[in-house]
Amino acid sequence: MKKLTDRLQLIADEIEKGETMADIGTDHGFLPLYLWKTGISPHVIMCDISEPSLAKAKGAAGAYQFGRELAFRAGDGLDVLESGEVDDVVIAGMGGFLIISILSSD
């Protein structure tokens, strides 16, 4: 399992065992995959703006991507989530103005 950067580890430490999570702008999916593989989050949703962007997370997940606990969704911001679908949402891989835009549009 890939070791998280200090920044991602700080975020991971805020997720409580048993909580589900979505990672908006997941890129390679390192954080949600870590949370899932360590048993912290039983269900993770990896989200990115397009299928080509999401392909990196699918590649990092490898064979695990076919399990029911991992979900991959292409779309804009929080539009890919249903209300109440997850306990935690992480938006950490982008600039402040984009994060404000994502939160403002929801």
C-alpha atoms as a PDB file:
ATOM      1  CA  MET A   1       0.000   0.000   0.000  1.00  0.00           C
ATOM      2  CA  LYS A   2       1.292   3.451  -0.925  1.00  0.00           C
ATOM      3  CA  LYS A   3       2.270   5.649   2.028  1.00  0.00           C
ATOM      4  CA  LEU A   4       0.251   8.860   2.175  1.00  0.00           C
ATOM      5  CA  THR A   5       1.854  12.278   2.088  1.00  0.00           C
ATOM      6  CA  ASP A   6       1.779  14.176   5.372  1.00  0.00           C
ATOM      7  CA  ARG A   7      -1.078  16.353   4.044  1.00  0.00           C
ATOM      8  CA  LEU A   8      -3.211  13.365   3.045  1.00  0.00           C
ATOM      9  CA  GLN A   9      -2.412  11.571   6.315  1.00  0.00           C
ATOM     10  CA  LEU A  10      -3.719  14.578   8.272  1.00  0.00           C
ATOM     11  CA  ILE A  11      -6.977  14.313   6.326  1.00  0.00           C
ATOM     12  CA  ALA A  12      -7.142  10.527   6.760  1.00  0.00           C
ATOM     13  CA  ASP A  13      -6.748  10.938  10.515  1.00  0.00           C
ATOM     14  CA  GLU A  14      -9.983  12.976  10.570  1.00  0.00           C
ATOM     15  CA  ILE A  15     -12.064  10.131   9.081  1.00  0.00           C
ATOM     16  CA  GLU A  16     -13.482   7.890  11.794  1.00  0.00           C
ATOM     17  CA  LYS A  17     -13.602   4.117  11.446  1.00  0.00           C
ATOM     18  CA  GLY A  18     -16.816   3.020   9.777  1.00  0.00           C
ATOM     19  CA  GLU A  19     -17.494   6.311   7.998  1.00  0.00           C
ATOM     20  CA  THR A  20     -18.082   6.318   4.267  1.00  0.00           C
ATOM     21  CA  MET A  21     -16.421   9.001   2.179  1.00  0.00           C
ATOM     22  CA  ALA A  22     -16.243  10.657  -1.213  1.00  0.00           C
ATOM     23  CA  ASP A  23     -13.096  12.226  -2.589  1.00  0.00           C
ATOM     24  CA  ILE A  24     -13.904  15.032  -5.025  1.00  0.00           C
ATOM     25  CA  GLY A  25     -11.049  15.580  -7.463  1.00  0.00           C
ATOM     26  CA  THR A  26      -9.572  12.245  -6.445  1.00  0.00           C
ATOM     27  CA  ASP A  27      -6.794  12.151  -9.072  1.00  0.00           C
ATOM     28  CA  HIS A  28      -4.946   8.875  -8.294  1.00  0.00           C
ATOM     29  CA  GLY A  29      -7.318   7.989  -5.458  1.00  0.00           C
ATOM     30  CA  PHE A  30      -4.547   7.548  -2.893  1.00  0.00           C
ATOM     31  CA  LEU A  31      -6.607   8.826   0.066  1.00  0.00           C
ATOM     32  CA  PRO A  32      -9.821   6.831  -0.507  1.00  0.00           C
ATOM     33  CA  LEU A  33      -7.874   3.687  -1.396  1.00  0.00           C
ATOM     34  CA  TYR A  34      -5.830   4.028   1.802  1.00  0.00           C
ATOM     35  CA  LEU A  35      -9.000   4.500   3.866  1.00  0.00           C
ATOM     36  CA  TRP A  36     -10.627   1.476   2.258  1.00  0.00           C
ATOM     37  CA  LYS A  37      -7.610  -0.842   2.355  1.00  0.00           C
ATOM     38  CA  THR A  38      -6.926  -0.063   6.023  1.00  0.00           C
ATOM     39  CA  GLY A  39     -10.553  -0.791   6.929  1.00  0.00           C
ATOM     40  CA  ILE A  40     -11.311   2.744   8.057  1.00  0.00           C
ATOM     41  CA  SER A  41     -13.952   3.404   5.391  1.00  0.00           C
ATOM     42  CA  PRO A  42     -16.092   0.468   4.260  1.00  0.00           C
ATOM     43  CA  HIS A  43     -17.263   2.356   1.160  1.00  0.00           C
ATOM     44  CA  VAL A  44     -15.446   5.066  -0.788  1.00  0.00           C
ATOM     45  CA  ILE A  45     -16.468   7.040  -3.848  1.00  0.00           C
ATOM     46  CA  MET A  46     -13.704   8.427  -6.054  1.00  0.00           C
ATOM     47  CA  CYS A  47     -14.860  11.353  -8.178  1.00  0.00           C
ATOM     48  CA  ASP A  48     -13.151  13.391 -10.860  1.00  0.00           C
ATOM     49  CA  ILE A  49     -14.221  15.775 -13.608  1.00  0.00           C
ATOM     50  CA  SER A  50     -13.876  13.328 -16.537  1.00  0.00           C
ATOM     51  CA  GLU A  51     -13.356   9.670 -17.373  1.00  0.00           C
ATOM     52  CA  PRO A  52      -9.730  10.287 -18.452  1.00  0.00           C
ATOM     53  CA  SER A  53      -9.058  11.979 -15.094  1.00  0.00           C
ATOM     54  CA  LEU A  54     -10.754   9.136 -13.233  1.00  0.00           C
ATOM     55  CA  ALA A  55      -8.683   6.549 -15.105  1.00  0.00           C
ATOM     56  CA  LYS A  56      -5.722   7.244 -12.788  1.00  0.00           C
ATOM     57  CA  ALA A  57      -7.772   6.223  -9.736  1.00  0.00           C
ATOM     58  CA  LYS A  58      -9.055   3.125 -11.519  1.00  0.00           C
ATOM     59  CA  GLY A  59      -5.480   2.208 -12.378  1.00  0.00           C
ATOM     60  CA  ALA A  60      -4.344   2.668  -8.781  1.00  0.00           C
ATOM     61  CA  ALA A  61      -7.236   0.507  -7.568  1.00  0.00           C
ATOM     62  CA  GLY A  62      -6.282  -2.288  -9.962  1.00  0.00           C
ATOM     63  CA  ALA A  63      -8.290  -5.457  -9.419  1.00  0.00           C
ATOM     64  CA  TYR A  64     -10.003  -3.933  -6.388  1.00  0.00           C
ATOM     65  CA  GLN A  65     -12.078  -1.664  -8.624  1.00  0.00           C
ATOM     66  CA  PHE A  66     -14.539  -4.447  -9.292  1.00  0.00           C
ATOM     67  CA  GLY A  67     -15.644  -4.700  -5.659  1.00  0.00           C
ATOM     68  CA  ARG A  68     -18.899  -3.157  -4.455  1.00  0.00           C
ATOM     69  CA  GLU A  69     -17.112  -1.073  -1.833  1.00  0.00           C
ATOM     70  CA  LEU A  70     -15.315   1.115  -4.384  1.00  0.00           C
ATOM     71  CA  ALA A  71     -17.190   3.479  -6.675  1.00  0.00           C
ATOM     72  CA  PHE A  72     -15.790   5.635  -9.461  1.00  0.00           C
ATOM     73  CA  ARG A  73     -17.784   8.574 -10.778  1.00  0.00           C
ATOM     74  CA  ALA A  74     -16.995  11.117 -13.442  1.00  0.00           C
ATOM     75  CA  GLY A  75     -18.689  14.467 -13.026  1.00  0.00           C
ATOM     76  CA  ASP A  76     -18.520  18.001 -11.767  1.00  0.00           C
ATOM     77  CA  GLY A  77     -18.043  18.639  -8.067  1.00  0.00           C
ATOM     78  CA  LEU A  78     -20.712  17.341  -5.728  1.00  0.00           C
ATOM     79  CA  ASP A  79     -23.179  16.671  -8.574  1.00  0.00           C
ATOM     80  CA  VAL A  80     -22.067  13.037  -8.620  1.00  0.00           C
ATOM     81  CA  LEU A  81     -23.323  12.380  -5.077  1.00  0.00           C
ATOM     82  CA  GLU A  82     -26.789  11.736  -3.729  1.00  0.00           C
ATOM     83  CA  SER A  83     -27.840  13.623  -0.616  1.00  0.00           C
ATOM     84  CA  GLY A  84     -26.779  11.693   2.492  1.00  0.00           C
ATOM     85  CA  GLU A  85     -24.897   9.072   0.492  1.00  0.00           C
ATOM     86  CA  VAL A  86     -21.638   9.421   2.423  1.00  0.00           C
ATOM     87  CA  ASP A  87     -20.560  10.528   5.871  1.00  0.00           C
ATOM     88  CA  ASP A  88     -17.549  12.577   4.763  1.00  0.00           C
ATOM     89  CA  VAL A  89     -16.652  14.569   1.658  1.00  0.00           C
ATOM     90  CA  VAL A  90     -13.036  15.484   0.969  1.00  0.00           C
ATOM     91  CA  ILE A  91     -12.222  18.296  -1.447  1.00  0.00           C
ATOM     92  CA  ALA A  92      -8.491  18.738  -1.058  1.00  0.00           C
ATOM     93  CA  GLY A  93      -6.749  18.348  -4.384  1.00  0.00           C
ATOM     94  CA  MET A  94      -7.480  21.717  -5.945  1.00  0.00           C
ATOM     95  CA  GLY A  95      -7.184  25.439  -5.383  1.00  0.00           C
ATOM     96  CA  GLY A  96      -9.278  27.508  -3.023  1.00  0.00           C
ATOM     97  CA  PHE A  97     -11.300  29.316  -5.687  1.00  0.00           C
ATOM     98  CA  LEU A  98     -12.354  26.026  -7.287  1.00  0.00           C
ATOM     99  CA  ILE A  99     -13.330  24.608  -3.892  1.00  0.00           C
ATOM    100  CA  ILE A 100     -15.421  27.729  -3.214  1.00  0.00           C
ATOM    101  CA  SER A 101     -17.091  27.301  -6.601  1.00  0.00           C
ATOM    102  CA  ILE A 102     -17.911  23.639  -5.923  1.00  0.00           C
ATOM    103  CA  LEU A 103     -19.354  24.389  -2.489  1.00  0.00           C
ATOM    104  CA  SER A 104     -21.276  27.440  -3.722  1.00  0.00           C
ATOM    105  CA  SER A 105     -22.963  25.540  -6.529  1.00  0.00           C
ATOM    106  CA  ASP A 106     -24.357  22.881  -4.185  1.00  0.00           C
END
